[in-house]
Protein backbone atom coordinates (compact mmCIF):
# COMPACT_ATOMS: atom_id res chain seq x y z
CA MET A 1 38.47 174.73 51.45
CA MET A 2 40.85 173.63 48.72
CA ALA A 3 39.76 172.04 45.50
CA MET A 4 39.07 168.28 45.62
CA SER A 5 41.16 165.76 43.71
CA LYS A 6 40.40 164.91 40.12
CA LEU A 7 39.73 161.40 41.20
CA SER A 8 37.16 162.39 43.73
CA GLU A 9 35.50 164.85 41.24
CA LYS A 10 35.11 162.09 38.66
CA LEU A 11 33.70 159.68 41.23
CA GLY A 12 31.23 162.48 42.27
CA SER A 13 30.18 162.89 38.67
CA GLY A 14 29.11 159.14 38.53
CA LYS A 15 31.61 158.29 35.79
CA PRO A 16 33.72 155.03 36.28
CA VAL A 17 37.41 155.49 37.08
CA VAL A 18 40.53 153.57 36.36
CA THR A 19 43.53 153.64 38.53
CA ALA A 20 46.87 151.77 38.72
CA ALA A 21 49.74 151.42 41.21
CA CYS A 22 53.53 151.84 41.45
CA ILE A 23 56.34 151.43 43.62
CA PRO A 24 58.80 154.46 44.35
CA PRO A 25 62.04 153.78 42.60
CA HIS A 26 64.83 152.82 44.93
CA ALA A 27 66.97 155.61 43.71
CA THR A 28 68.02 159.13 44.46
CA ASP A 29 67.49 160.47 40.91
CA ALA A 30 64.23 162.20 40.16
CA THR A 31 64.37 161.16 36.52
CA ALA A 32 63.61 157.56 37.76
CA VAL A 33 60.15 158.74 38.68
CA LYS A 34 59.77 160.45 35.34
CA LYS A 35 60.52 157.19 33.64
CA LEU A 36 58.01 155.51 35.90
CA ALA A 37 55.34 158.08 35.00
CA ALA A 38 55.99 157.40 31.20
CA CYS A 39 54.73 153.88 31.86
CA PHE A 40 51.23 155.10 32.61
CA PRO A 41 48.63 156.01 29.85
CA PRO A 42 46.96 159.54 30.13
CA SER A 43 43.51 157.88 30.59
CA LEU A 44 44.42 156.90 34.09
CA ASP A 45 42.52 158.70 36.92
CA GLY A 46 45.06 158.09 39.59
CA VAL A 47 48.15 156.21 40.55
CA ILE A 48 48.46 154.68 44.11
CA VAL A 49 52.07 155.15 45.29
CA GLY A 50 53.13 152.23 47.39
CA ASP A 51 54.52 152.77 50.95
CA HIS A 52 57.04 150.07 51.75
CA ALA A 53 54.54 147.24 51.54
CA GLU A 54 57.18 144.48 51.61
CA GLN A 55 60.58 146.11 50.89
CA SER A 56 62.27 149.40 51.48
CA HIS A 57 61.90 151.77 48.50
CA GLY A 58 62.23 155.46 47.73
CA SER A 59 59.93 157.99 49.66
CA ALA A 60 56.34 157.61 48.61
CA LEU A 61 55.53 161.05 49.49
CA ALA A 62 58.40 162.36 47.24
CA CYS A 63 57.31 159.99 44.47
CA ALA A 64 53.72 161.20 44.75
CA VAL A 65 54.76 164.80 44.35
CA LEU A 66 57.03 164.10 41.46
CA LEU A 67 54.23 162.17 39.72
CA ALA A 68 51.89 165.23 40.17
CA ALA A 69 54.52 167.36 38.53
CA GLU A 70 54.26 165.00 35.63
CA LYS A 71 50.50 165.56 35.40
CA ILE A 72 49.65 162.19 37.00
CA GLU A 73 47.10 162.21 39.84
CA PRO A 74 48.79 160.64 42.80
CA VAL A 75 47.25 158.64 45.58
CA LEU A 76 49.60 158.50 48.45
CA SER A 77 49.62 155.30 50.60
CA LEU A 78 50.17 155.66 54.37
CA CYS A 79 51.41 152.63 56.21
CA THR A 80 50.78 152.71 59.91
CA ARG A 81 53.34 149.90 60.63
CA ASP A 82 56.24 152.24 60.07
CA ARG A 83 55.18 155.53 61.54
CA ASN A 84 53.47 156.73 64.67
CA ARG A 85 50.64 159.32 64.57
CA VAL A 86 52.99 162.25 64.89
CA ALA A 87 54.85 161.34 61.73
CA LEU A 88 51.68 160.27 59.80
CA GLU A 89 50.12 163.60 60.55
CA SER A 90 53.23 165.37 59.53
CA ASP A 91 53.28 163.52 56.23
CA VAL A 92 49.65 164.18 55.42
CA LEU A 93 50.09 167.88 56.07
CA GLY A 94 53.27 168.09 54.05
CA ALA A 95 51.77 166.14 51.15
CA SER A 96 48.58 168.13 51.09
CA ALA A 97 50.67 171.39 50.96
CA LEU A 98 52.49 169.88 47.95
CA GLY A 99 49.23 169.14 46.15
CA VAL A 100 48.57 165.48 47.07
CA LYS A 101 44.84 165.19 47.93
CA THR A 102 44.01 161.47 48.07
CA PHE A 103 45.42 159.08 50.82
CA PHE A 104 45.03 155.32 51.03
CA CYS A 105 45.18 154.18 54.59
CA MET A 106 46.75 150.66 55.34
CA SER A 107 48.22 148.95 58.23
CA GLY A 108 50.83 147.04 56.24
CA MET A 109 52.03 143.52 56.51
CA HIS A 110 54.12 142.65 59.49
CA GLN A 111 57.83 143.64 59.10
CA ALA A 112 58.97 140.02 59.90
CA LEU A 113 57.44 139.01 56.41
CA GLY A 114 59.26 141.54 54.43
CA GLY A 115 62.87 142.58 53.56
CA PHE A 116 63.66 144.11 56.99
CA PRO A 117 62.57 141.54 59.60
CA GLN A 118 64.87 143.23 62.24
CA ALA A 119 62.99 146.56 61.96
CA ALA A 120 60.72 147.60 64.83
CA GLY A 121 57.22 148.29 63.87
CA ALA A 122 55.26 151.46 65.10
CA TYR A 123 51.70 150.29 65.07
CA ASP A 124 50.71 153.39 66.99
CA MET A 125 47.45 153.45 64.86
CA ASP A 126 45.83 150.90 62.66
CA SER A 127 44.25 151.69 59.26
CA VAL A 128 40.80 152.21 60.64
CA GLN A 129 42.02 154.86 63.25
CA LEU A 130 44.18 156.51 60.46
CA THR A 131 40.95 156.63 58.23
CA GLN A 132 39.02 158.28 61.08
CA ALA A 133 41.64 160.71 61.82
CA LEU A 134 41.98 161.88 58.13
CA ALA A 135 38.17 161.99 57.84
CA LYS A 136 37.99 164.43 60.87
CA MET A 137 40.79 166.49 59.41
CA ALA A 138 38.87 166.77 56.04
CA SER A 139 35.40 167.39 57.64
CA ALA A 140 36.23 169.49 60.70
CA GLY A 141 39.77 170.86 60.13
CA LEU A 142 41.09 169.00 63.21
CA ASP A 143 44.49 167.50 63.49
CA PHE A 144 45.09 164.09 65.03
CA SER A 145 45.16 165.48 68.62
CA GLY A 146 41.87 167.39 68.09
CA SER A 147 43.24 170.86 67.67
CA LYS A 148 41.99 173.13 65.03
CA LEU A 149 44.12 173.67 61.78
CA PRO A 150 44.53 177.05 60.07
CA ALA A 151 42.61 175.78 57.17
CA THR A 152 40.43 172.57 56.43
CA PRO A 153 42.33 170.49 53.77
CA ALA A 154 40.25 168.97 51.01
CA LEU A 155 41.38 165.31 51.53
CA THR A 156 39.91 162.28 49.95
CA VAL A 157 40.30 159.05 52.10
CA ALA A 158 40.58 155.51 50.68
CA ALA A 159 40.76 152.29 52.46
CA ALA A 160 41.07 148.60 51.72
CA ALA A 161 38.20 146.18 51.45
CA HIS A 162 38.58 142.31 51.61
CA PRO A 163 35.73 140.57 49.56
CA TYR A 164 37.22 137.11 50.32
CA LEU A 165 37.04 137.23 54.03
CA ARG A 166 34.61 134.78 55.33
CA PRO A 167 32.22 134.28 56.79
CA ILE A 168 30.49 136.91 54.54
CA GLU A 169 28.97 138.60 57.61
CA LEU A 170 32.38 139.34 58.87
CA ALA A 171 33.52 140.80 55.40
CA VAL A 172 30.45 143.07 55.52
CA ARG A 173 30.97 144.14 59.04
CA GLN A 174 34.59 145.07 58.17
CA THR A 175 33.48 147.11 55.30
CA LYS A 176 30.94 148.85 57.40
CA LYS A 177 33.76 149.71 59.91
CA LYS A 178 35.88 151.42 57.25
CA ILE A 179 33.00 153.44 55.87
CA ALA A 180 31.89 154.46 59.41
CA ALA A 181 35.45 155.61 60.03
CA GLY A 182 35.15 157.90 56.99
CA ALA A 183 36.41 156.00 53.92
CA GLN A 184 35.14 157.51 50.79
CA ILE A 185 36.88 154.96 48.46
CA LEU A 186 37.25 151.36 49.05
CA LEU A 187 39.85 149.39 47.00
CA THR A 188 39.39 145.75 47.07
CA ASP A 189 41.87 142.93 47.21
CA PRO A 190 42.76 141.53 43.79
CA ILE A 191 39.92 139.66 42.24
CA PHE A 192 40.38 136.11 40.88
CA ASP A 193 37.15 134.49 41.83
CA LEU A 194 34.36 136.42 40.35
CA ALA A 195 31.65 134.34 42.16
CA GLY A 196 33.17 134.93 45.50
CA PHE A 197 33.54 138.62 44.72
CA GLU A 198 29.96 138.89 43.57
CA GLU A 199 28.79 137.18 46.68
CA TRP A 200 30.49 140.01 48.79
CA LEU A 201 29.27 142.72 46.39
CA LYS A 202 25.58 141.52 46.68
CA ALA A 203 25.89 141.60 50.45
CA VAL A 204 27.36 145.04 50.45
CA ARG A 205 24.53 146.38 48.07
CA ALA A 206 22.03 144.79 50.38
CA ALA A 207 23.44 146.69 53.22
CA GLY A 208 23.36 149.92 51.13
CA LEU A 209 27.17 150.30 51.53
CA ASP A 210 27.78 150.74 47.81
CA LYS A 211 25.87 154.15 48.18
CA GLN A 212 28.17 155.27 51.02
CA ALA A 213 31.52 154.74 49.52
CA ALA A 214 32.90 154.20 45.94
CA ILE A 215 33.86 150.61 45.51
CA ILE A 216 36.79 150.05 43.13
CA ALA A 217 37.44 146.55 42.09
CA SER A 218 41.13 145.56 41.83
CA VAL A 219 42.81 143.12 39.40
CA LEU A 220 46.37 141.80 39.47
CA PRO A 221 48.14 140.93 36.29
CA LEU A 222 50.23 137.84 37.27
CA THR A 223 53.58 137.56 35.81
CA SER A 224 54.65 134.07 36.61
CA VAL A 225 53.42 130.62 37.84
CA ALA A 226 55.75 131.01 40.91
CA GLN A 227 53.88 134.31 41.87
CA ALA A 228 50.51 132.60 41.42
CA GLU A 229 51.54 129.56 43.60
CA GLU A 230 52.97 131.84 46.30
CA LEU A 231 49.73 133.85 46.42
CA ARG A 232 47.72 130.51 46.55
CA THR A 233 49.56 129.55 49.78
CA GLN A 234 47.99 132.57 51.60
CA PRO A 235 44.80 132.03 53.57
CA GLY A 236 41.59 132.67 51.62
CA SER A 237 43.45 132.92 48.28
CA PRO A 238 40.89 132.87 45.28
CA ILE A 239 43.37 131.67 42.69
CA SER A 240 41.96 128.57 40.91
CA ASP A 241 43.49 125.53 39.21
CA ASP A 242 42.26 127.02 35.84
CA ILE A 243 44.29 130.17 36.40
CA LEU A 244 47.45 128.11 37.16
CA LYS A 245 46.76 126.05 34.10
CA ARG A 246 46.47 129.04 31.82
CA LEU A 247 49.80 130.58 33.24
CA ARG A 248 51.50 127.34 32.59
CA SER A 249 50.27 126.89 29.00
CA GLY A 250 52.47 129.62 27.47
CA ASP A 251 53.74 133.02 28.11
CA ALA A 252 52.90 133.63 31.81
CA ALA A 253 52.90 137.34 31.86
CA GLN A 254 50.82 137.51 28.64
CA ALA A 255 48.29 135.10 30.17
CA GLY A 256 48.30 137.11 33.39
CA VAL A 257 47.46 140.35 31.42
CA ALA A 258 44.66 138.41 29.59
CA ILE A 259 43.20 137.00 32.86
CA ALA A 260 43.26 140.41 34.55
CA ALA A 261 41.61 142.09 31.50
CA GLU A 262 38.86 139.49 31.48
CA ILE A 263 38.17 139.87 35.16
CA ALA A 264 38.15 143.75 34.77
CA GLY A 265 35.63 143.61 31.99
CA LYS A 266 33.19 141.54 34.00
CA ALA A 267 33.76 143.36 37.30
CA LYS A 268 33.17 146.77 35.85
CA ALA A 269 29.76 145.72 34.59
CA MET A 270 28.57 144.65 38.06
CA ALA A 271 26.25 146.93 40.01
CA GLY A 272 27.99 148.73 42.81
CA VAL A 273 31.48 148.87 41.09
CA ARG A 274 32.55 152.48 40.53
CA GLY A 275 35.92 151.68 38.77
CA ILE A 276 38.74 149.34 38.20
CA HIS A 277 42.25 149.40 39.88
CA ILE A 278 45.22 147.57 38.44
CA HIS A 279 47.66 146.32 40.92
CA SER A 280 50.63 147.11 38.74
CA ALA A 281 53.10 147.94 41.48
CA GLY A 282 56.62 146.69 40.35
CA CYS A 283 55.27 145.83 36.94
CA GLU A 284 53.97 149.32 35.92
CA PRO A 285 53.94 148.78 32.11
CA LEU A 286 51.38 145.98 32.57
CA ALA A 287 48.78 148.65 33.55
CA ALA A 288 48.63 149.88 29.94
CA ALA A 289 48.33 146.47 28.49
CA VAL A 290 45.46 145.60 30.81
CA ILE A 291 43.69 148.85 30.14
CA LYS A 292 43.98 148.27 26.29
CA GLU A 293 42.86 144.62 26.38
CA ALA A 294 39.98 145.23 28.68
CA ARG A 295 39.00 148.63 26.76
CA LEU A 296 38.98 150.61 30.03
CA ALA A 297 40.34 153.88 28.61
C-alpha cells in the first residue's frame, strides 16, 4: 500500500488541522495555479480543489496535481452531477497515480442553478455511493465494478456534513450514513450559528460518531452584504441579523474575516472538532487573513 496523505497522517496523530479551499483558474496557463498557490500560507494542512460547484472552471484534477508540485497538499473534489461512475473511477485512478491521495465526495447543486442551466446532469451516483466506492477501493483494492486492482491505493475519503439540517435526528442519521459508507473526514457546512452547530455536535458525540470520523468545522469569510443576504434566502440558513449588521457597519470583507475568525476560534475549542476548514474558494487570499486573526497556524 502507498503512503497515506499528510492530512490523514496529521489527523491520525491527534493534532488539529487547518484546511482551505480554492477554485481552479479559468485559464490554460499553469502559472495561474502557481499564483493561486502563493495565496496560501505554508501552515495549511490541505487545500480542497473545487469541482465546478456553480460555474465551469479549469480542471480540478489538473489544478490539484499542479498544487502538489508547489508543495501544497491537495484534496480533490469529485462532483457526481457531471460524471458517471466510469469517468469518476478514471479520475480517481489517474489522480492517485499523480500523487493525489485525498478525495472529497459531493453530489453538487443542480445544474439549473449554475452557469450552465442547459447542461445535462449525469447523476449516475450520489455522494454516498461515491464515498462507498472509494472506501472499498482503499480497503479492499476493488474498482467500482468490484474487480481487483493491481494495487490497493491509499486513499483518504472525505464527505460533507450538514449540521443545520433539522430535525436534529435527521442530521445525525445523515451523518451516520456518510460514516457507514466509509467517510473518514467530514467537512461541515459553513458555521454562522454556533448554538445550532453545538446542538448537532452534541448529538454526534452522543452517538459516538466523532470517534469514527474526523469532523472539520468550516467557516466562510463573507465578502459583502449581498452575499450574506443571498445565503440567507436559502433554506436553513443560519446567518443572523447581527451578522448582517456587522457587515453593513463598515468594510464588509474585513468584517467577514473577523466574524469567520471568531467562529473558528470558538469552534476549534469544542469537543469533537478535529480542525477548521476555511471556505475561501474564489477569495483565496482571505484564508491567510482568517488563519492569522484566529491564530490557527
